[in-house]
């Protein structure tokens, strides 16, 4: 089946290839796809500029490594995504 374009909700994980952060971006993508397998339309891992590690949901930036001073933890990212796309959904241990 050929896709007609991006599906919503769409998560984009922008990472710096020169910094070798592709594995971290792919791991975060796996975590999000595992948690939101029925709710997310797409998760994209996107090469970006130097030092970039950002997570976006439908064009809204949820996390910037530069602004936050570090990489994101999965728990708050999952909570932000859940609150935006499936507010009634429980996240189990990620809600504690």
N, C-alpha and C. Protein backbone atom coordinates (compact mmCIF):
# COMPACT_ATOMS: atom_id res chain seq x y z
N UNK A 1 0.84 -1.18 0.00
CA UNK A 1 0.00 0.00 0.00
C UNK A 1 0.89 1.25 0.00
N UNK A 2 0.60 2.18 -0.87
CA UNK A 2 1.37 3.41 -0.96
C UNK A 2 0.66 4.49 -0.15
N UNK A 3 1.42 5.15 0.72
CA UNK A 3 0.88 6.20 1.57
C UNK A 3 0.68 7.48 0.76
N UNK A 4 -0.36 8.22 1.09
CA UNK A 4 -0.62 9.48 0.40
C UNK A 4 0.01 10.66 1.13
N UNK A 5 0.80 10.41 2.16
CA UNK A 5 1.46 11.48 2.90
C UNK A 5 1.46 11.18 4.38
N UNK A 6 1.94 12.14 5.17
CA UNK A 6 2.02 11.93 6.62
C UNK A 6 0.65 11.67 7.24
N UNK A 7 0.64 10.79 8.21
CA UNK A 7 -0.58 10.46 8.93
C UNK A 7 -0.53 11.12 10.30
N UNK A 8 -1.67 11.51 10.80
CA UNK A 8 -1.74 12.21 12.08
C UNK A 8 -2.36 11.28 13.10
N UNK A 9 -1.97 11.41 14.34
CA UNK A 9 -0.94 12.28 14.88
C UNK A 9 0.45 11.80 14.44
N UNK A 10 1.30 12.78 14.18
CA UNK A 10 2.66 12.51 13.69
C UNK A 10 3.67 13.01 14.71
N UNK A 11 4.55 12.13 15.12
CA UNK A 11 5.67 12.50 15.99
C UNK A 11 6.91 12.56 15.11
N UNK A 12 7.70 13.61 15.28
CA UNK A 12 8.99 13.72 14.62
C UNK A 12 10.07 13.81 15.69
N UNK A 13 11.09 13.00 15.55
CA UNK A 13 12.24 13.06 16.44
C UNK A 13 13.42 13.54 15.60
N UNK A 14 13.82 14.77 15.82
CA UNK A 14 14.92 15.38 15.08
C UNK A 14 16.20 15.13 15.87
N UNK A 15 17.24 14.69 15.18
CA UNK A 15 18.50 14.35 15.86
C UNK A 15 19.69 14.81 15.03
N UNK A 16 20.83 14.98 15.69
CA UNK A 16 22.07 15.37 15.04
C UNK A 16 22.82 14.11 14.58
N UNK A 17 22.94 13.89 13.26
CA UNK A 17 23.68 12.72 12.79
C UNK A 17 25.17 12.80 13.12
N UNK A 18 25.75 14.01 13.09
CA UNK A 18 27.17 14.16 13.39
C UNK A 18 27.48 13.78 14.84
N UNK A 19 26.49 13.96 15.72
CA UNK A 19 26.66 13.61 17.14
C UNK A 19 26.40 12.13 17.39
N UNK A 20 25.98 11.40 16.35
CA UNK A 20 25.70 9.96 16.45
C UNK A 20 24.52 9.66 17.37
N UNK A 21 23.47 10.50 17.31
CA UNK A 21 22.31 10.32 18.18
C UNK A 21 21.17 9.55 17.52
N UNK A 22 21.45 8.90 16.38
CA UNK A 22 20.41 8.15 15.69
C UNK A 22 19.89 6.99 16.55
N UNK A 23 20.75 6.32 17.29
CA UNK A 23 20.30 5.20 18.12
C UNK A 23 19.37 5.69 19.22
N UNK A 24 19.69 6.83 19.81
CA UNK A 24 18.83 7.41 20.85
C UNK A 24 17.47 7.79 20.25
N UNK A 25 17.47 8.38 19.05
CA UNK A 25 16.23 8.77 18.39
C UNK A 25 15.40 7.53 18.04
N UNK A 26 16.06 6.49 17.54
CA UNK A 26 15.35 5.26 17.19
C UNK A 26 14.78 4.58 18.42
N UNK A 27 15.51 4.61 19.53
CA UNK A 27 15.01 4.02 20.77
C UNK A 27 13.77 4.77 21.25
N UNK A 28 13.79 6.12 21.18
CA UNK A 28 12.63 6.90 21.59
C UNK A 28 11.44 6.59 20.67
N UNK A 29 11.70 6.47 19.38
CA UNK A 29 10.64 6.11 18.43
C UNK A 29 10.02 4.77 18.80
N UNK A 30 10.87 3.79 19.13
CA UNK A 30 10.38 2.47 19.52
C UNK A 30 9.51 2.56 20.77
N UNK A 31 9.96 3.32 21.76
CA UNK A 31 9.18 3.49 22.99
C UNK A 31 7.80 4.09 22.70
N UNK A 32 7.77 5.10 21.86
CA UNK A 32 6.50 5.76 21.56
C UNK A 32 5.59 4.86 20.74
N UNK A 33 6.15 4.15 19.77
CA UNK A 33 5.33 3.24 18.96
C UNK A 33 4.80 2.08 19.79
N UNK A 34 5.58 1.60 20.73
CA UNK A 34 5.12 0.52 21.60
C UNK A 34 3.99 0.99 22.50
N UNK A 35 4.13 2.19 23.05
CA UNK A 35 3.12 2.72 23.97
C UNK A 35 1.85 3.15 23.24
N UNK A 36 2.00 3.79 22.09
CA UNK A 36 0.85 4.37 21.37
C UNK A 36 0.62 3.68 20.04
N UNK A 37 0.69 2.36 20.03
CA UNK A 37 0.58 1.62 18.78
C UNK A 37 -0.75 1.83 18.06
N UNK A 38 -1.83 2.10 18.79
CA UNK A 38 -3.13 2.32 18.15
C UNK A 38 -3.45 3.79 17.92
N UNK A 39 -2.75 4.68 18.61
CA UNK A 39 -3.10 6.10 18.56
C UNK A 39 -2.26 6.93 17.59
N UNK A 40 -1.00 6.57 17.40
CA UNK A 40 -0.13 7.37 16.53
C UNK A 40 -0.28 6.96 15.07
N UNK A 41 -0.29 7.96 14.20
CA UNK A 41 -0.34 7.68 12.78
C UNK A 41 1.03 7.43 12.20
N UNK A 42 2.04 8.11 12.80
CA UNK A 42 3.38 8.01 12.24
C UNK A 42 4.40 8.52 13.25
N UNK A 43 5.58 7.90 13.25
CA UNK A 43 6.74 8.41 13.99
C UNK A 43 7.89 8.48 13.00
N UNK A 44 8.45 9.68 12.86
CA UNK A 44 9.54 9.89 11.92
C UNK A 44 10.82 10.23 12.68
N UNK A 45 11.92 9.64 12.25
CA UNK A 45 13.24 9.94 12.80
C UNK A 45 13.94 10.78 11.72
N UNK A 46 14.22 12.06 12.07
CA UNK A 46 14.62 13.05 11.08
C UNK A 46 16.02 13.59 11.37
N UNK A 47 16.98 13.38 10.45
CA UNK A 47 18.30 14.00 10.63
C UNK A 47 18.14 15.52 10.63
N UNK A 48 18.86 16.19 11.54
CA UNK A 48 18.71 17.64 11.69
C UNK A 48 20.09 18.28 11.85
N UNK A 49 20.12 19.50 12.33
CA UNK A 49 21.36 20.25 12.46
C UNK A 49 22.23 19.81 13.62
N UNK A 50 23.38 20.43 13.70
CA UNK A 50 24.37 20.12 14.72
C UNK A 50 23.83 20.33 16.12
N UNK A 51 23.94 19.30 16.96
CA UNK A 51 23.54 19.38 18.36
C UNK A 51 22.04 19.31 18.61
N UNK A 52 21.26 19.07 17.56
CA UNK A 52 19.80 19.06 17.70
C UNK A 52 19.31 17.70 18.19
N UNK A 53 18.43 17.74 19.18
CA UNK A 53 17.62 16.58 19.56
C UNK A 53 16.30 17.16 20.04
N UNK A 54 15.28 17.03 19.20
CA UNK A 54 13.97 17.60 19.50
C UNK A 54 12.88 16.59 19.21
N UNK A 55 11.80 16.71 19.94
CA UNK A 55 10.63 15.87 19.72
C UNK A 55 9.44 16.78 19.44
N UNK A 56 8.76 16.50 18.34
CA UNK A 56 7.64 17.30 17.88
C UNK A 56 6.40 16.42 17.75
N UNK A 57 5.24 16.97 18.04
CA UNK A 57 3.95 16.30 17.84
C UNK A 57 3.07 17.21 17.00
N UNK A 58 2.77 16.79 15.79
CA UNK A 58 1.93 17.57 14.87
C UNK A 58 2.35 19.04 14.81
N UNK A 59 3.65 19.27 14.67
CA UNK A 59 4.16 20.62 14.50
C UNK A 59 4.40 21.42 15.77
N UNK A 60 4.14 20.80 16.92
CA UNK A 60 4.36 21.46 18.21
C UNK A 60 5.56 20.81 18.88
N UNK A 61 6.55 21.62 19.22
CA UNK A 61 7.75 21.06 19.85
C UNK A 61 7.46 20.72 21.31
N UNK A 62 7.71 19.45 21.66
CA UNK A 62 7.52 18.98 23.03
C UNK A 62 8.80 19.05 23.84
N UNK A 63 9.93 18.89 23.18
CA UNK A 63 11.22 18.88 23.89
C UNK A 63 12.33 19.36 22.97
N UNK A 64 13.21 20.16 23.52
CA UNK A 64 14.43 20.58 22.84
C UNK A 64 15.59 20.33 23.78
N UNK A 65 16.56 19.53 23.36
CA UNK A 65 17.72 19.26 24.19
C UNK A 65 18.45 20.55 24.54
N UNK A 66 18.52 21.45 23.58
CA UNK A 66 19.21 22.72 23.79
C UNK A 66 18.51 23.55 24.88
N UNK A 67 17.19 23.70 24.78
CA UNK A 67 16.45 24.51 25.75
C UNK A 67 16.36 23.85 27.11
N UNK A 68 16.20 22.52 27.14
CA UNK A 68 16.03 21.81 28.41
C UNK A 68 17.37 21.51 29.09
N UNK A 69 18.44 21.58 28.32
CA UNK A 69 19.75 21.30 28.89
C UNK A 69 20.07 19.82 28.97
N UNK A 70 19.34 19.00 28.23
CA UNK A 70 19.62 17.57 28.23
C UNK A 70 18.59 16.81 27.41
N UNK A 71 18.80 15.52 27.34
CA UNK A 71 17.89 14.65 26.60
C UNK A 71 16.61 14.43 27.39
N UNK A 72 15.52 14.12 26.69
CA UNK A 72 14.25 13.91 27.37
C UNK A 72 14.17 12.55 28.04
N UNK A 73 13.45 12.49 29.11
CA UNK A 73 13.07 11.22 29.73
C UNK A 73 11.80 10.75 29.01
N UNK A 74 11.60 9.45 28.93
CA UNK A 74 10.43 8.95 28.22
C UNK A 74 9.13 9.27 28.94
N UNK A 75 9.14 9.22 30.25
CA UNK A 75 7.90 9.42 31.02
C UNK A 75 7.20 10.74 30.69
N UNK A 76 7.87 11.90 30.81
CA UNK A 76 7.16 13.14 30.51
C UNK A 76 6.77 13.28 29.03
N UNK A 77 7.57 12.72 28.13
CA UNK A 77 7.22 12.77 26.71
C UNK A 77 5.96 11.96 26.46
N UNK A 78 5.91 10.76 27.01
CA UNK A 78 4.70 9.93 26.86
C UNK A 78 3.49 10.61 27.46
N UNK A 79 3.65 11.25 28.59
CA UNK A 79 2.54 11.95 29.23
C UNK A 79 2.05 13.11 28.36
N UNK A 80 2.98 13.88 27.79
CA UNK A 80 2.59 15.00 26.92
C UNK A 80 1.84 14.51 25.69
N UNK A 81 2.34 13.43 25.09
CA UNK A 81 1.68 12.89 23.91
C UNK A 81 0.31 12.34 24.28
N UNK A 82 0.23 11.59 25.35
CA UNK A 82 -1.05 11.06 25.80
C UNK A 82 -2.04 12.19 26.05
N UNK A 83 -1.62 13.23 26.76
CA UNK A 83 -2.51 14.35 27.08
C UNK A 83 -3.04 15.02 25.82
N UNK A 84 -2.24 15.01 24.75
CA UNK A 84 -2.65 15.65 23.50
C UNK A 84 -3.53 14.76 22.62
N UNK A 85 -3.27 13.45 22.60
CA UNK A 85 -3.98 12.61 21.63
C UNK A 85 -4.95 11.61 22.23
N UNK A 86 -4.78 11.27 23.51
CA UNK A 86 -5.64 10.27 24.15
C UNK A 86 -5.73 10.56 25.65
N UNK A 87 -6.34 11.70 26.03
CA UNK A 87 -6.29 12.14 27.43
C UNK A 87 -6.89 11.17 28.44
N UNK A 88 -7.77 10.29 28.02
CA UNK A 88 -8.38 9.33 28.95
C UNK A 88 -7.57 8.05 29.12
N UNK A 89 -6.52 7.92 28.34
CA UNK A 89 -5.70 6.70 28.36
C UNK A 89 -4.79 6.67 29.57
N UNK A 90 -4.71 5.51 30.21
CA UNK A 90 -3.76 5.32 31.31
C UNK A 90 -2.45 4.80 30.74
N UNK A 91 -1.35 5.23 31.36
CA UNK A 91 -0.03 4.83 30.89
C UNK A 91 0.67 3.85 31.83
N UNK A 92 -0.05 3.32 32.78
CA UNK A 92 0.57 2.37 33.70
C UNK A 92 1.68 3.01 34.50
N UNK A 93 2.87 2.42 34.47
CA UNK A 93 3.99 2.93 35.28
C UNK A 93 4.42 4.33 34.87
N UNK A 94 4.12 4.77 33.65
CA UNK A 94 4.49 6.12 33.24
C UNK A 94 3.61 7.20 33.86
N UNK A 95 2.52 6.78 34.50
CA UNK A 95 1.65 7.74 35.20
C UNK A 95 2.04 7.90 36.65
N UNK A 96 2.95 7.08 37.15
CA UNK A 96 3.31 7.13 38.57
C UNK A 96 4.47 8.05 38.80
